[in-house]
Amino acid sequence: MKKFLLSMVLVCFALSHLAAQESTFGKGTKVLNVGIGFGSTWYSGTYYHAQIPPISASLEFGVVDNVLEKGSIGVGPYVGFSSYKWEYSDWGYKYTNIVIGARGNFHYPLANKLDTYVGILLGYNIVSANEFGTPLGYDYSATSSGIRLAGYIGARYYFKEKFGVMAELGYGITYFNIGIALKL
C-alpha cells in the first residue's frame, strides 16, 4: 500500500511538473523541417530497393494558441520525394513519387525544449514509372497522380533556441522520418 501511495504522489508530481512546461511552438512561430525517411509505405517486398531515400521538407506557421489551455495549431506547405526500383534478373521498373501538399498540426507541450504534435497531411502524389532492361523489346513508361492523406505523430527537440532535431512516426511518404528543425 505504501508503494502504491508513493507511486501516486510521484505521478501527481510528474503531471503537475508537465503542466508547468512552456510551449516551444505557438502563434507566430515559423519552423522549417527537413527530413529523411525510413520504411516505404508504398514499395515493399523482396525486389524493391530505394534509389534515393525518401526526403521531405515542410514549413509550419503557428496560427492559433490556447487550444485546450496550452495547445496550439500550425499549418503549412509540404513537399516529399522518393525513388524506388523493382528489379528481377536485370529487368524491372523505376518509380518516382513527388508529394506536394499541406499539413496541419496540433501541438501540446510536455517538456521543456520538446515540441510534441500530432498532424495530418493532405497532398497530391505525382507518380511516374519507367521500365528498364526490356527483355521483350518493350519500353514502357507511365504516370499517375492522386490525392494522398496521411497522419502522424511527431516531436522536435531544441538544442538551441532556433535549432533542433525532429522525428515523426506515421503513414506518409515513409513510416519514420528524422531530420532537423529550424525556427525562422
Protein backbone atom coordinates (compact mmCIF):
# COMPACT_ATOMS: atom_id res chain seq x y z
CA MET A 1 0.00 0.00 0.00
CA LYS A 2 2.84 2.40 0.80
CA LYS A 3 4.39 1.74 -2.61
CA PHE A 4 1.06 2.48 -4.28
CA LEU A 5 0.65 5.78 -2.39
CA LEU A 6 4.24 6.76 -3.14
CA SER A 7 3.68 5.93 -6.82
CA MET A 8 0.52 8.07 -6.90
CA VAL A 9 2.35 11.01 -5.30
CA LEU A 10 5.16 10.70 -7.85
CA VAL A 11 2.66 10.53 -10.73
CA CYS A 12 0.83 13.63 -9.46
CA PHE A 13 4.13 15.46 -9.06
CA ALA A 14 5.21 14.48 -12.59
CA LEU A 15 1.88 15.56 -14.07
CA SER A 16 1.97 18.90 -12.26
CA HIS A 17 5.54 19.36 -13.48
CA LEU A 18 4.45 18.61 -17.05
CA ALA A 19 1.59 21.07 -16.73
CA ALA A 20 4.09 23.81 -15.89
CA GLN A 21 6.05 23.39 -19.13
CA GLU A 22 6.26 26.29 -21.52
CA SER A 23 5.28 25.84 -25.13
CA THR A 24 8.04 25.76 -27.75
CA PHE A 25 5.50 26.37 -30.54
CA GLY A 26 2.76 28.98 -30.71
CA LYS A 27 1.04 31.61 -32.76
CA GLY A 28 3.58 33.48 -34.89
CA THR A 29 6.21 30.70 -34.73
CA LYS A 30 7.73 29.58 -38.06
CA VAL A 31 9.58 26.25 -38.30
CA LEU A 32 11.32 24.61 -41.26
CA ASN A 33 11.65 20.79 -41.10
CA VAL A 34 14.00 18.89 -43.41
CA GLY A 35 14.00 15.11 -43.06
CA ILE A 36 15.00 11.73 -44.40
CA GLY A 37 12.68 8.76 -44.18
CA PHE A 38 12.95 5.07 -43.42
CA GLY A 39 10.45 2.39 -44.40
CA SER A 40 8.39 2.90 -47.55
CA THR A 41 4.61 2.98 -47.25
CA TRP A 42 4.24 2.26 -50.98
CA TYR A 43 7.03 -0.08 -52.08
CA SER A 44 7.95 -3.15 -50.10
CA GLY A 45 8.97 -6.67 -50.87
CA THR A 46 11.96 -8.70 -51.93
CA TYR A 47 12.70 -6.99 -55.24
CA TYR A 48 12.17 -3.34 -54.20
CA HIS A 49 15.18 -1.17 -53.43
CA ALA A 50 15.39 2.53 -52.61
CA GLN A 51 17.20 4.52 -55.30
CA ILE A 52 17.16 7.76 -53.29
CA PRO A 53 15.99 7.60 -49.66
CA PRO A 54 12.69 9.42 -49.13
CA ILE A 55 13.32 13.09 -48.32
CA SER A 56 10.88 15.78 -47.24
CA ALA A 57 10.64 19.43 -46.29
CA SER A 58 7.85 21.33 -44.59
CA LEU A 59 7.33 24.85 -43.36
CA GLU A 60 4.94 25.41 -40.48
CA PHE A 61 3.31 28.61 -39.27
CA GLY A 62 1.71 28.88 -35.82
CA VAL A 63 -1.81 30.26 -36.31
CA VAL A 64 -3.83 29.59 -33.13
CA ASP A 65 -2.89 29.49 -29.43
CA ASN A 66 -4.66 28.39 -26.25
CA VAL A 67 -6.32 25.29 -27.68
CA LEU A 68 -7.11 23.00 -24.73
CA GLU A 69 -5.32 25.51 -22.47
CA LYS A 70 -1.69 25.12 -23.63
CA GLY A 71 -2.06 23.70 -27.13
CA SER A 72 -1.57 25.43 -30.45
CA ILE A 73 -2.25 24.80 -34.13
CA GLY A 74 0.18 25.16 -37.01
CA VAL A 75 -0.30 24.84 -40.78
CA GLY A 76 1.96 24.97 -43.80
CA PRO A 77 3.24 23.52 -47.07
CA TYR A 78 4.93 20.14 -47.53
CA VAL A 79 6.97 18.50 -50.30
CA GLY A 80 8.30 14.95 -50.32
CA PHE A 81 10.28 12.84 -52.80
CA SER A 82 11.06 9.13 -53.08
CA SER A 83 12.56 6.92 -55.76
CA TYR A 84 12.40 3.12 -55.78
CA LYS A 85 13.40 0.37 -58.16
CA TRP A 86 11.81 -3.04 -58.62
CA GLU A 87 14.34 -5.34 -60.26
CA TYR A 88 14.42 -9.01 -61.16
CA SER A 89 17.14 -10.50 -63.41
CA ASP A 90 18.28 -7.11 -64.79
CA TRP A 91 14.74 -6.14 -65.73
CA GLY A 92 12.22 -4.04 -63.83
CA TYR A 93 10.70 -0.65 -63.14
CA LYS A 94 11.88 2.60 -61.59
CA TYR A 95 9.24 4.51 -59.60
CA THR A 96 9.35 8.15 -58.59
CA ASN A 97 6.92 9.82 -56.18
CA ILE A 98 6.59 13.54 -55.56
CA VAL A 99 4.09 14.62 -52.91
CA ILE A 100 3.05 18.28 -52.71
CA GLY A 101 0.57 19.24 -50.05
CA ALA A 102 -0.41 20.99 -46.85
CA ARG A 103 -0.04 19.88 -43.25
CA GLY A 104 -1.95 20.77 -40.11
CA ASN A 105 -0.53 20.05 -36.65
CA PHE A 106 -1.86 20.21 -33.11
CA HIS A 107 0.97 20.97 -30.66
CA TYR A 108 0.85 20.30 -26.94
CA PRO A 109 3.87 20.92 -24.68
CA LEU A 110 5.03 18.03 -22.49
CA ALA A 111 8.59 19.03 -21.50
CA ASN A 112 10.98 21.96 -21.81
CA LYS A 113 12.65 22.24 -25.24
CA LEU A 114 10.34 19.49 -26.57
CA ASP A 115 7.64 20.32 -29.12
CA THR A 116 5.22 17.37 -29.40
CA TYR A 117 2.47 17.28 -32.01
CA VAL A 118 0.02 15.18 -33.96
CA GLY A 119 -0.92 16.06 -37.52
CA ILE A 120 -2.47 15.32 -40.87
CA LEU A 121 -1.23 15.79 -44.43
CA LEU A 122 -3.43 16.36 -47.44
CA GLY A 123 -1.37 16.19 -50.59
CA TYR A 124 -1.18 15.36 -54.26
CA ASN A 125 1.03 12.39 -55.17
CA ILE A 126 2.66 12.51 -58.62
CA VAL A 127 3.90 9.05 -59.63
CA SER A 128 5.96 8.02 -62.63
CA ALA A 129 7.14 4.54 -63.63
CA ASN A 130 9.76 3.60 -66.24
CA GLU A 131 10.65 0.13 -67.39
CA PHE A 132 14.29 -0.84 -67.80
CA GLY A 133 16.04 -3.93 -69.10
CA THR A 134 13.22 -4.62 -71.61
CA PRO A 135 13.74 -8.34 -72.29
CA LEU A 136 10.83 -8.40 -74.76
CA GLY A 137 11.68 -5.16 -76.55
CA TYR A 138 9.09 -3.04 -74.75
CA ASP A 139 9.92 0.43 -73.47
CA TYR A 140 7.12 1.15 -71.05
CA SER A 141 6.62 4.32 -69.02
CA ALA A 142 3.58 5.70 -67.24
CA THR A 143 2.47 8.45 -64.91
CA SER A 144 -0.27 8.55 -62.35
CA SER A 145 -1.42 11.02 -59.75
CA GLY A 146 -3.85 11.18 -56.89
CA ILE A 147 -4.82 12.62 -53.55
CA ARG A 148 -2.77 11.47 -50.56
CA LEU A 149 -3.96 11.63 -46.96
CA ALA A 150 -1.59 10.82 -44.11
CA GLY A 151 -1.49 11.01 -40.32
CA TYR A 152 1.48 11.13 -37.98
CA ILE A 153 2.79 11.98 -34.53
CA GLY A 154 5.99 13.92 -34.09
CA ALA A 155 8.37 15.72 -31.81
CA ARG A 156 11.05 18.37 -32.12
CA TYR A 157 13.76 18.74 -29.51
CA TYR A 158 15.56 22.10 -29.49
CA PHE A 159 19.23 22.11 -28.51
CA LYS A 160 19.37 25.86 -29.04
CA GLU A 161 16.62 28.45 -29.30
CA LYS A 162 16.34 28.11 -33.08
CA PHE A 163 17.92 24.70 -33.86
CA GLY A 164 16.66 21.22 -33.08
CA VAL A 165 16.07 17.71 -34.30
CA MET A 166 12.74 16.23 -35.33
CA ALA A 167 11.20 12.77 -35.63
CA GLU A 168 7.83 11.70 -36.99
CA LEU A 169 6.09 8.34 -36.97
CA GLY A 170 3.06 7.66 -39.13
CA TYR A 171 1.76 6.80 -42.55
CA GLY A 172 3.04 9.34 -45.06
CA ILE A 173 5.78 9.04 -47.64
CA THR A 174 7.59 6.86 -45.04
CA TYR A 175 6.78 5.21 -41.72
CA PHE A 176 9.58 7.01 -39.85
CA ASN A 177 11.11 10.39 -40.63
CA ILE A 178 14.05 12.10 -38.85
CA GLY A 179 15.77 15.38 -39.54
CA ILE A 180 16.44 18.92 -38.40
CA ALA A 181 14.11 21.71 -37.35
CA LEU A 182 14.95 25.39 -37.74
CA LYS A 183 12.92 28.19 -36.19
CA LEU A 184 12.80 31.15 -38.53
